[in-house]
Amino acid sequence: MSESLTDSELLVLGLVSEMPRHGYELEQVIEQRGMREWTQIGFSSIYFVLGKLEKKGLVTSEKPTGAKAKKSFIMTEAGQEALVTQTLSAITTVRPTYSSLLMGMIHWPALQREQALDALSQRSKAIQIELIRIEGIQLDQQPLPDHVEALFDYSIAQLKSEADWLQKTLDYMTCKPWNT
């Protein structure tokens, strides 16, 4: 399979690989595992993604037998191959991230000194709150499988790195004469 999958497609494909699932069950698993901490997928898009995966031949669906039965999706052999290929690609490929912070820093000169410094300070406080929140989720969900623990560690390391950068930048910009 040469066509790459979106993050949402890869997430759903991976969950279907565990066992046959229907859309509502996928939503429950995504919610229970806190997967929205790492990827953006809305409840309404799960069925859309399942349809795309089925169209690509990566999953097939079982027709429901009862009146209230839900349509379940099963991974195909092509889906298994795509899952392995795309998972390896996701781990090995470096993709740029585009934080809104970068756009704000580009336009730093448009701000008044106090506005700019206050904005950095507010972001620093927000990062600290988010760090506490993520660490709390990690603690509440113990024991975690090693790979999930690594996901939390990655998110926490990113937040700590940004907090460090924010403090250094705030210290520097506070001492530096203002751009005029």
N, C-alpha and C. Protein backbone atom coordinates (compact mmCIF):
# COMPACT_ATOMS: atom_id res chain seq x y z
N MET A 1 0.84 -1.18 0.00
CA MET A 1 0.00 0.00 0.00
C MET A 1 0.89 1.24 0.00
N SER A 2 0.76 2.07 -1.00
CA SER A 2 1.62 3.25 -1.10
C SER A 2 0.93 4.50 -0.57
N GLU A 3 -0.39 4.50 -0.53
CA GLU A 3 -1.12 5.67 -0.06
C GLU A 3 -1.03 5.76 1.46
N SER A 4 -0.62 6.92 1.95
CA SER A 4 -0.50 7.05 3.40
C SER A 4 -1.86 7.32 4.02
N LEU A 5 -1.95 6.99 5.29
CA LEU A 5 -3.19 7.18 6.04
C LEU A 5 -3.08 8.44 6.89
N THR A 6 -4.22 9.05 7.14
CA THR A 6 -4.25 10.17 8.07
C THR A 6 -4.08 9.60 9.48
N ASP A 7 -3.79 10.48 10.44
CA ASP A 7 -3.67 10.03 11.82
C ASP A 7 -4.96 9.38 12.30
N SER A 8 -6.10 9.95 11.94
CA SER A 8 -7.39 9.38 12.34
C SER A 8 -7.60 8.00 11.73
N GLU A 9 -7.23 7.84 10.47
CA GLU A 9 -7.38 6.54 9.82
C GLU A 9 -6.48 5.50 10.48
N LEU A 10 -5.25 5.89 10.79
CA LEU A 10 -4.32 4.97 11.44
C LEU A 10 -4.82 4.58 12.83
N LEU A 11 -5.34 5.53 13.56
CA LEU A 11 -5.88 5.25 14.89
C LEU A 11 -7.02 4.24 14.82
N VAL A 12 -7.99 4.51 13.96
CA VAL A 12 -9.16 3.62 13.84
C VAL A 12 -8.74 2.25 13.32
N LEU A 13 -7.86 2.21 12.34
CA LEU A 13 -7.38 0.94 11.80
C LEU A 13 -6.71 0.11 12.90
N GLY A 14 -5.91 0.75 13.72
CA GLY A 14 -5.25 0.05 14.81
C GLY A 14 -6.23 -0.51 15.82
N LEU A 15 -7.28 0.23 16.11
CA LEU A 15 -8.28 -0.26 17.06
C LEU A 15 -9.08 -1.42 16.47
N VAL A 16 -9.38 -1.35 15.19
CA VAL A 16 -10.10 -2.46 14.54
C VAL A 16 -9.20 -3.69 14.47
N SER A 17 -7.88 -3.50 14.41
CA SER A 17 -6.96 -4.64 14.36
C SER A 17 -7.01 -5.47 15.64
N GLU A 18 -7.38 -4.84 16.75
CA GLU A 18 -7.44 -5.54 18.03
C GLU A 18 -8.57 -6.56 18.06
N MET A 19 -9.69 -6.19 17.45
CA MET A 19 -10.88 -7.04 17.40
C MET A 19 -11.93 -6.34 16.55
N PRO A 20 -12.90 -7.08 16.00
CA PRO A 20 -13.96 -6.40 15.25
C PRO A 20 -14.67 -5.39 16.15
N ARG A 21 -14.96 -4.24 15.59
CA ARG A 21 -15.60 -3.18 16.39
C ARG A 21 -16.61 -2.43 15.54
N HIS A 22 -17.61 -1.85 16.21
CA HIS A 22 -18.54 -0.95 15.54
C HIS A 22 -18.20 0.47 15.97
N GLY A 23 -18.76 1.44 15.27
CA GLY A 23 -18.40 2.84 15.49
C GLY A 23 -18.55 3.33 16.91
N TYR A 24 -19.66 3.00 17.55
CA TYR A 24 -19.88 3.47 18.92
C TYR A 24 -18.86 2.85 19.87
N GLU A 25 -18.52 1.59 19.64
CA GLU A 25 -17.51 0.93 20.47
C GLU A 25 -16.15 1.59 20.29
N LEU A 26 -15.83 1.99 19.07
CA LEU A 26 -14.58 2.72 18.82
C LEU A 26 -14.55 4.02 19.62
N GLU A 27 -15.66 4.73 19.63
CA GLU A 27 -15.76 5.98 20.40
C GLU A 27 -15.49 5.71 21.87
N GLN A 28 -16.08 4.65 22.41
CA GLN A 28 -15.89 4.32 23.82
C GLN A 28 -14.42 3.99 24.13
N VAL A 29 -13.78 3.22 23.26
CA VAL A 29 -12.38 2.85 23.47
C VAL A 29 -11.49 4.09 23.40
N ILE A 30 -11.73 4.95 22.42
CA ILE A 30 -10.96 6.19 22.28
C ILE A 30 -11.09 7.04 23.54
N GLU A 31 -12.30 7.13 24.06
CA GLU A 31 -12.56 7.92 25.27
C GLU A 31 -11.90 7.27 26.49
N GLN A 32 -12.11 5.97 26.67
CA GLN A 32 -11.56 5.25 27.83
C GLN A 32 -10.04 5.31 27.89
N ARG A 33 -9.41 5.23 26.74
CA ARG A 33 -7.94 5.21 26.70
C ARG A 33 -7.32 6.60 26.64
N GLY A 34 -8.15 7.62 26.62
CA GLY A 34 -7.64 8.99 26.59
C GLY A 34 -6.88 9.31 25.32
N MET A 35 -7.28 8.71 24.22
CA MET A 35 -6.55 8.88 22.96
C MET A 35 -6.66 10.27 22.37
N ARG A 36 -7.63 11.02 22.80
CA ARG A 36 -7.76 12.38 22.27
C ARG A 36 -6.69 13.31 22.83
N GLU A 37 -5.91 12.82 23.77
CA GLU A 37 -4.75 13.58 24.25
C GLU A 37 -3.67 13.63 23.19
N TRP A 38 -3.69 12.68 22.24
CA TRP A 38 -2.62 12.55 21.25
C TRP A 38 -3.07 12.75 19.82
N THR A 39 -4.33 12.68 19.57
CA THR A 39 -4.80 12.85 18.19
C THR A 39 -6.18 13.46 18.18
N GLN A 40 -6.49 14.12 17.09
CA GLN A 40 -7.79 14.76 16.97
C GLN A 40 -8.71 13.86 16.17
N ILE A 41 -9.75 13.37 16.81
CA ILE A 41 -10.79 12.61 16.12
C ILE A 41 -12.09 12.82 16.88
N GLY A 42 -13.06 13.32 16.18
CA GLY A 42 -14.37 13.55 16.78
C GLY A 42 -15.25 12.33 16.62
N PHE A 43 -16.27 12.23 17.46
CA PHE A 43 -17.20 11.10 17.39
C PHE A 43 -17.82 11.00 16.01
N SER A 44 -18.23 12.12 15.46
CA SER A 44 -18.91 12.10 14.16
C SER A 44 -17.98 11.67 13.03
N SER A 45 -16.69 11.84 13.19
CA SER A 45 -15.77 11.46 12.11
C SER A 45 -15.39 9.98 12.13
N ILE A 46 -15.70 9.27 13.19
CA ILE A 46 -15.34 7.84 13.28
C ILE A 46 -16.01 7.06 12.15
N TYR A 47 -17.29 7.29 11.93
CA TYR A 47 -18.00 6.57 10.87
C TYR A 47 -17.48 6.97 9.49
N PHE A 48 -17.13 8.23 9.33
CA PHE A 48 -16.56 8.71 8.07
C PHE A 48 -15.23 7.99 7.80
N VAL A 49 -14.40 7.90 8.83
CA VAL A 49 -13.10 7.23 8.71
C VAL A 49 -13.29 5.74 8.41
N LEU A 50 -14.23 5.10 9.08
CA LEU A 50 -14.51 3.69 8.80
C LEU A 50 -14.91 3.49 7.34
N GLY A 51 -15.72 4.40 6.82
CA GLY A 51 -16.13 4.33 5.42
C GLY A 51 -14.94 4.46 4.48
N LYS A 52 -14.02 5.37 4.81
CA LYS A 52 -12.82 5.55 3.98
C LYS A 52 -11.94 4.30 4.02
N LEU A 53 -11.78 3.72 5.20
CA LEU A 53 -10.97 2.51 5.33
C LEU A 53 -11.60 1.34 4.58
N GLU A 54 -12.92 1.27 4.61
CA GLU A 54 -13.61 0.20 3.89
C GLU A 54 -13.45 0.39 2.38
N LYS A 55 -13.56 1.62 1.93
CA LYS A 55 -13.41 1.93 0.51
C LYS A 55 -12.00 1.58 0.02
N LYS A 56 -11.01 1.76 0.89
CA LYS A 56 -9.61 1.44 0.54
C LYS A 56 -9.32 -0.05 0.65
N GLY A 57 -10.29 -0.83 1.15
CA GLY A 57 -10.10 -2.26 1.28
C GLY A 57 -9.30 -2.67 2.51
N LEU A 58 -9.19 -1.78 3.49
CA LEU A 58 -8.41 -2.06 4.69
C LEU A 58 -9.24 -2.69 5.80
N VAL A 59 -10.55 -2.47 5.75
CA VAL A 59 -11.49 -3.13 6.65
C VAL A 59 -12.69 -3.57 5.82
N THR A 60 -13.40 -4.55 6.34
CA THR A 60 -14.68 -4.95 5.75
C THR A 60 -15.72 -4.85 6.85
N SER A 61 -16.97 -4.80 6.46
CA SER A 61 -18.02 -4.70 7.46
C SER A 61 -18.89 -5.94 7.44
N GLU A 62 -19.38 -6.29 8.61
CA GLU A 62 -20.34 -7.38 8.76
C GLU A 62 -21.71 -6.75 8.89
N LYS A 63 -22.63 -7.21 8.11
CA LYS A 63 -24.00 -6.69 8.19
C LYS A 63 -24.62 -7.13 9.51
N PRO A 64 -25.30 -6.21 10.19
CA PRO A 64 -25.95 -6.58 11.44
C PRO A 64 -27.11 -7.55 11.19
N THR A 65 -27.30 -8.50 12.10
CA THR A 65 -28.37 -9.48 11.93
C THR A 65 -29.65 -9.08 12.64
N GLY A 66 -29.56 -8.50 13.81
CA GLY A 66 -30.75 -8.11 14.55
C GLY A 66 -31.16 -6.69 14.24
N ALA A 67 -32.34 -6.33 14.70
CA ALA A 67 -32.87 -4.98 14.46
C ALA A 67 -32.00 -3.92 15.12
N LYS A 68 -31.46 -4.23 16.30
CA LYS A 68 -30.65 -3.24 17.02
C LYS A 68 -29.15 -3.52 16.90
N ALA A 69 -28.79 -4.52 16.13
CA ALA A 69 -27.37 -4.86 15.97
C ALA A 69 -26.66 -3.76 15.20
N LYS A 70 -25.40 -3.57 15.55
CA LYS A 70 -24.59 -2.53 14.90
C LYS A 70 -23.64 -3.16 13.89
N LYS A 71 -23.33 -2.42 12.86
CA LYS A 71 -22.41 -2.86 11.80
C LYS A 71 -21.00 -2.91 12.37
N SER A 72 -20.39 -4.10 12.37
CA SER A 72 -19.02 -4.27 12.88
C SER A 72 -18.03 -4.25 11.72
N PHE A 73 -16.83 -3.78 12.02
CA PHE A 73 -15.77 -3.70 11.03
C PHE A 73 -14.63 -4.63 11.43
N ILE A 74 -14.07 -5.29 10.42
CA ILE A 74 -13.00 -6.27 10.62
C ILE A 74 -11.83 -5.89 9.73
N MET A 75 -10.62 -6.03 10.24
CA MET A 75 -9.43 -5.72 9.45
C MET A 75 -9.23 -6.77 8.37
N THR A 76 -8.80 -6.32 7.20
CA THR A 76 -8.45 -7.22 6.10
C THR A 76 -6.94 -7.47 6.13
N GLU A 77 -6.48 -8.38 5.29
CA GLU A 77 -5.05 -8.63 5.18
C GLU A 77 -4.33 -7.37 4.71
N ALA A 78 -4.93 -6.68 3.74
CA ALA A 78 -4.35 -5.41 3.27
C ALA A 78 -4.31 -4.38 4.39
N GLY A 79 -5.31 -4.41 5.26
CA GLY A 79 -5.35 -3.51 6.40
C GLY A 79 -4.22 -3.79 7.37
N GLN A 80 -3.94 -5.08 7.60
CA GLN A 80 -2.84 -5.46 8.50
C GLN A 80 -1.50 -4.98 7.93
N GLU A 81 -1.32 -5.16 6.63
CA GLU A 81 -0.08 -4.70 5.98
C GLU A 81 0.05 -3.18 6.09
N ALA A 82 -1.06 -2.49 5.85
CA ALA A 82 -1.05 -1.02 5.93
C ALA A 82 -0.76 -0.56 7.36
N LEU A 83 -1.33 -1.26 8.33
CA LEU A 83 -1.11 -0.90 9.73
C LEU A 83 0.37 -0.98 10.09
N VAL A 84 1.02 -2.06 9.70
CA VAL A 84 2.45 -2.22 10.00
C VAL A 84 3.26 -1.14 9.29
N THR A 85 3.02 -0.97 8.00
CA THR A 85 3.76 0.02 7.21
C THR A 85 3.58 1.43 7.75
N GLN A 86 2.33 1.79 8.02
CA GLN A 86 2.04 3.15 8.48
C GLN A 86 2.52 3.39 9.91
N THR A 87 2.48 2.36 10.74
CA THR A 87 2.99 2.50 12.11
C THR A 87 4.50 2.73 12.09
N LEU A 88 5.21 1.96 11.28
CA LEU A 88 6.65 2.17 11.15
C LEU A 88 6.95 3.57 10.63
N SER A 89 6.19 4.01 9.65
CA SER A 89 6.38 5.36 9.10
C SER A 89 6.11 6.43 10.15
N ALA A 90 5.06 6.24 10.94
CA ALA A 90 4.71 7.22 11.98
C ALA A 90 5.82 7.34 13.02
N ILE A 91 6.47 6.24 13.32
CA ILE A 91 7.54 6.25 14.32
C ILE A 91 8.83 6.84 13.75
N THR A 92 9.14 6.53 12.51
CA THR A 92 10.44 6.91 11.95
C THR A 92 10.47 8.27 11.25
N THR A 93 9.33 8.76 10.80
CA THR A 93 9.29 9.99 10.02
C THR A 93 9.11 11.21 10.91
N VAL A 94 9.97 12.19 10.74
CA VAL A 94 9.85 13.45 11.48
C VAL A 94 9.00 14.39 10.64
N ARG A 95 7.90 14.84 11.24
CA ARG A 95 7.03 15.80 10.56
C ARG A 95 7.02 17.08 11.38
N PRO A 96 7.05 18.22 10.71
CA PRO A 96 7.01 19.48 11.46
C PRO A 96 5.65 19.66 12.14
N THR A 97 5.70 20.29 13.29
CA THR A 97 4.46 20.67 13.97
C THR A 97 4.33 22.18 13.87
N TYR A 98 3.13 22.63 13.74
CA TYR A 98 2.89 24.06 13.54
C TYR A 98 2.08 24.62 14.70
N SER A 99 2.76 24.95 15.76
CA SER A 99 2.12 25.52 16.93
C SER A 99 1.70 26.96 16.63
N SER A 100 0.55 27.35 17.16
CA SER A 100 0.12 28.74 17.00
C SER A 100 1.09 29.69 17.68
N LEU A 101 1.86 29.19 18.63
CA LEU A 101 2.88 30.01 19.29
C LEU A 101 3.86 30.58 18.27
N LEU A 102 4.23 29.78 17.28
CA LEU A 102 5.17 30.24 16.27
C LEU A 102 4.60 31.42 15.47
N MET A 103 3.33 31.35 15.15
CA MET A 103 2.69 32.45 14.44
C MET A 103 2.66 33.70 15.32
N GLY A 104 2.41 33.51 16.60
CA GLY A 104 2.42 34.64 17.52
C GLY A 104 3.79 35.27 17.64
N MET A 105 4.83 34.45 17.68
CA MET A 105 6.19 34.98 17.79
C MET A 105 6.61 35.71 16.51
N ILE A 106 6.15 35.23 15.36
CA ILE A 106 6.46 35.92 14.10
C ILE A 106 5.94 37.36 14.15
N HIS A 107 4.78 37.53 14.76
CA HIS A 107 4.15 38.86 14.80
C HIS A 107 4.36 39.58 16.13
N TRP A 108 5.35 39.16 16.88
CA TRP A 108 5.71 39.77 18.15
C TRP A 108 5.81 41.30 18.06
N PRO A 109 6.44 41.86 17.02
CA PRO A 109 6.59 43.32 16.95
C PRO A 109 5.26 44.08 16.87
N ALA A 110 4.18 43.41 16.55
CA ALA A 110 2.88 44.09 16.47
C ALA A 110 2.31 44.39 17.86
N LEU A 111 2.88 43.78 18.89
CA LEU A 111 2.36 43.93 20.25
C LEU A 111 3.09 45.02 21.01
N GLN A 112 2.40 45.57 21.99
CA GLN A 112 3.04 46.46 22.96
C GLN A 112 3.85 45.58 23.91
N ARG A 113 4.87 46.16 24.51
CA ARG A 113 5.77 45.39 25.37
C ARG A 113 5.02 44.60 26.45
N GLU A 114 4.16 45.28 27.20
CA GLU A 114 3.44 44.60 28.29
C GLU A 114 2.50 43.52 27.77
N GLN A 115 1.86 43.77 26.63
CA GLN A 115 0.99 42.76 26.02
C GLN A 115 1.79 41.50 25.69
N ALA A 116 2.93 41.70 25.07
CA ALA A 116 3.76 40.58 24.62
C ALA A 116 4.27 39.76 25.81
N LEU A 117 4.81 40.46 26.81
CA LEU A 117 5.33 39.76 27.97
C LEU A 117 4.22 39.06 28.75
N ASP A 118 3.07 39.71 28.85
CA ASP A 118 1.93 39.11 29.53
C ASP A 118 1.45 37.87 28.79
N ALA A 119 1.46 37.92 27.46
CA ALA A 119 1.03 36.76 26.67
C ALA A 119 1.95 35.57 26.93
N LEU A 120 3.26 35.80 26.96
CA LEU A 120 4.20 34.72 27.27
C LEU A 120 3.97 34.18 28.68
N SER A 121 3.73 35.07 29.61
CA SER A 121 3.48 34.67 30.99
C SER A 121 2.20 33.83 31.10
N GLN A 122 1.16 34.26 30.40
CA GLN A 122 -0.10 33.50 30.40
C GLN A 122 0.10 32.11 29.81
N ARG A 123 0.85 32.04 28.72
CA ARG A 123 1.12 30.74 28.10
C ARG A 123 1.91 29.85 29.05
N SER A 124 2.87 30.43 29.74
CA SER A 124 3.68 29.67 30.69
C SER A 124 2.79 29.07 31.78
N LYS A 125 1.87 29.86 32.29
CA LYS A 125 0.93 29.36 33.32
C LYS A 125 0.04 28.27 32.75
N ALA A 126 -0.43 28.45 31.52
CA ALA A 126 -1.29 27.44 30.88
C ALA A 126 -0.54 26.13 30.67
N ILE A 127 0.74 26.23 30.33
CA ILE A 127 1.56 25.02 30.14
C ILE A 127 1.72 24.29 31.47
N GLN A 128 1.93 25.03 32.55
CA GLN A 128 2.06 24.41 33.87
C GLN A 128 0.77 23.69 34.27
N ILE A 129 -0.37 24.30 33.99
CA ILE A 129 -1.67 23.68 34.29
C ILE A 129 -1.85 22.41 33.45
N GLU A 130 -1.50 22.48 32.18
CA GLU A 130 -1.62 21.31 31.30
C GLU A 130 -0.68 20.19 31.74
N LEU A 131 0.50 20.55 32.18
CA LEU A 131 1.46 19.56 32.67
C LEU A 131 0.90 18.82 33.89
N ILE A 132 0.32 19.56 34.80
CA ILE A 132 -0.29 18.95 35.99
C ILE A 132 -1.45 18.05 35.59
N ARG A 133 -2.25 18.50 34.63
CA ARG A 133 -3.40 17.71 34.17
C ARG A 133 -2.95 16.39 33.55
N ILE A 134 -1.97 16.44 32.65
CA ILE A 134 -1.48 15.23 31.98
C ILE A 134 -0.83 14.27 32.98
N GLU A 135 -0.04 14.81 33.90
CA GLU A 135 0.58 13.96 34.92
C GLU A 135 -0.49 13.32 35.80
N GLY A 136 -1.57 14.05 36.07
CA GLY A 136 -2.68 13.50 36.85
C GLY A 136 -3.38 12.36 36.13
N ILE A 137 -3.60 12.53 34.84
CA ILE A 137 -4.23 11.47 34.05
C ILE A 137 -3.32 10.24 34.04
N GLN A 138 -2.04 10.46 33.85
CA GLN A 138 -1.08 9.36 33.84
C GLN A 138 -1.12 8.59 35.16
N LEU A 139 -1.14 9.31 36.25
CA LEU A 139 -1.17 8.69 37.57
C LEU A 139 -2.48 7.94 37.80
N ASP A 140 -3.59 8.54 37.42
CA ASP A 140 -4.91 7.93 37.62
C ASP A 140 -5.08 6.63 36.84
N GLN A 141 -4.40 6.51 35.72
CA GLN A 141 -4.59 5.34 34.86
C GLN A 141 -3.59 4.22 35.12
N GLN A 142 -2.79 4.34 36.17
CA GLN A 142 -1.80 3.30 36.48
C GLN A 142 -2.50 2.01 36.88
N PRO A 143 -1.94 0.86 36.59
CA PRO A 143 -0.75 0.64 35.78
C PRO A 143 -1.08 0.75 34.29
N LEU A 144 -0.12 1.26 33.54
CA LEU A 144 -0.29 1.44 32.10
C LEU A 144 0.65 0.51 31.34
N PRO A 145 0.23 0.05 30.16
CA PRO A 145 1.17 -0.70 29.32
C PRO A 145 2.37 0.20 28.99
N ASP A 146 3.52 -0.40 28.78
CA ASP A 146 4.75 0.36 28.54
C ASP A 146 4.62 1.37 27.41
N HIS A 147 3.98 0.97 26.31
CA HIS A 147 3.89 1.89 25.17
C HIS A 147 2.98 3.07 25.47
N VAL A 148 1.97 2.88 26.32
CA VAL A 148 1.09 3.99 26.70
C VAL A 148 1.82 4.90 27.69
N GLU A 149 2.59 4.30 28.59
CA GLU A 149 3.42 5.08 29.52
C GLU A 149 4.37 5.98 28.72
N ALA A 150 4.92 5.43 27.64
CA ALA A 150 5.83 6.20 26.78
C ALA A 150 5.10 7.37 26.11
N LEU A 151 3.84 7.18 25.75
CA LEU A 151 3.06 8.28 25.17
C LEU A 151 2.92 9.43 26.17
N PHE A 152 2.58 9.09 27.40
CA PHE A 152 2.47 10.12 28.43
C PHE A 152 3.82 10.80 28.65
N ASP A 153 4.89 10.01 28.74
CA ASP A 153 6.22 10.57 28.95
C ASP A 153 6.60 11.54 27.83
N TYR A 154 6.25 11.19 26.61
CA TYR A 154 6.53 12.06 25.45
C TYR A 154 5.79 13.39 25.59
N SER A 155 4.50 13.31 25.90
CA SER A 155 3.71 14.55 26.05
C SER A 155 4.24 15.41 27.19
N ILE A 156 4.59 14.78 28.29
CA ILE A 156 5.13 15.51 29.44
C ILE A 156 6.47 16.14 29.10
N ALA A 157 7.32 15.42 28.39
CA ALA A 157 8.62 15.97 27.99
C ALA A 157 8.45 17.17 27.07
N GLN A 158 7.49 17.11 26.16
CA GLN A 158 7.23 18.25 25.27
C GLN A 158 6.78 19.46 26.08
N LEU A 159 5.88 19.25 27.02
CA LEU A 159 5.39 20.36 27.84
C LEU A 159 6.51 20.95 28.69
N LYS A 160 7.34 20.10 29.27
CA LYS A 160 8.47 20.60 30.08
C LYS A 160 9.45 21.37 29.22
N SER A 161 9.69 20.90 28.02
CA SER A 161 10.59 21.59 27.10
C SER A 161 10.04 22.97 26.74
N GLU A 162 8.74 23.03 26.46
CA GLU A 162 8.15 24.33 26.15
C GLU A 162 8.17 25.25 27.36
N ALA A 163 7.91 24.70 28.54
CA ALA A 163 7.95 25.52 29.76
C ALA A 163 9.34 26.11 29.96
N ASP A 164 10.37 25.32 29.72
CA ASP A 164 11.75 25.79 29.82
C ASP A 164 12.03 26.89 28.79
N TRP A 165 11.61 26.66 27.55
CA TRP A 165 11.80 27.66 26.49
C TRP A 165 11.06 28.95 26.83
N LEU A 166 9.84 28.82 27.32
CA LEU A 166 9.06 30.01 27.67
C LEU A 166 9.75 30.82 28.76
N GLN A 167 10.27 30.15 29.78
CA GLN A 167 10.93 30.87 30.86
C GLN A 167 12.17 31.59 30.36
N LYS A 168 12.99 30.91 29.56
CA LYS A 168 14.20 31.53 29.00
C LYS A 168 13.84 32.72 28.11
N THR A 169 12.83 32.54 27.28
CA THR A 169 12.42 33.61 26.36
C THR A 169 11.82 34.78 27.13
N LEU A 170 11.02 34.49 28.12
CA LEU A 170 10.43 35.55 28.95
C LEU A 170 11.52 36.32 29.69
N ASP A 171 12.48 35.61 30.27
CA ASP A 171 13.59 36.28 30.96
C ASP A 171 14.37 37.17 29.99
N TYR A 172 14.66 36.65 28.82
CA TYR A 172 15.43 37.41 27.83
C TYR A 172 14.65 38.63 27.34
N MET A 173 13.40 38.43 26.98
CA MET A 173 12.59 39.53 26.42
C MET A 173 12.28 40.59 27.47
N THR A 174 12.27 40.20 28.74
CA THR A 174 12.03 41.16 29.81
C THR A 174 13.23 42.10 29.97
N CYS A 175 14.43 41.58 29.83
CA CYS A 175 15.65 42.37 30.00
C CYS A 175 16.03 43.16 28.75
N LYS A 176 15.62 42.70 27.63
CA LYS A 176 16.03 43.29 26.35
C LYS A 176 15.28 44.60 26.09
N PRO A 177 15.97 45.59 25.52
CA PRO A 177 15.25 46.81 25.13
C PRO A 177 14.17 46.47 24.11
N TRP A 178 13.06 47.16 24.19
CA TRP A 178 11.91 46.87 23.33
C TRP A 178 12.16 47.32 21.90
N ASN A 179 11.69 46.49 20.95
CA ASN A 179 11.78 46.84 19.53
C ASN A 179 10.93 48.07 19.25
N THR A 180 11.50 49.03 18.58
CA THR A 180 10.72 50.22 18.21
C THR A 180 10.79 50.46 16.73
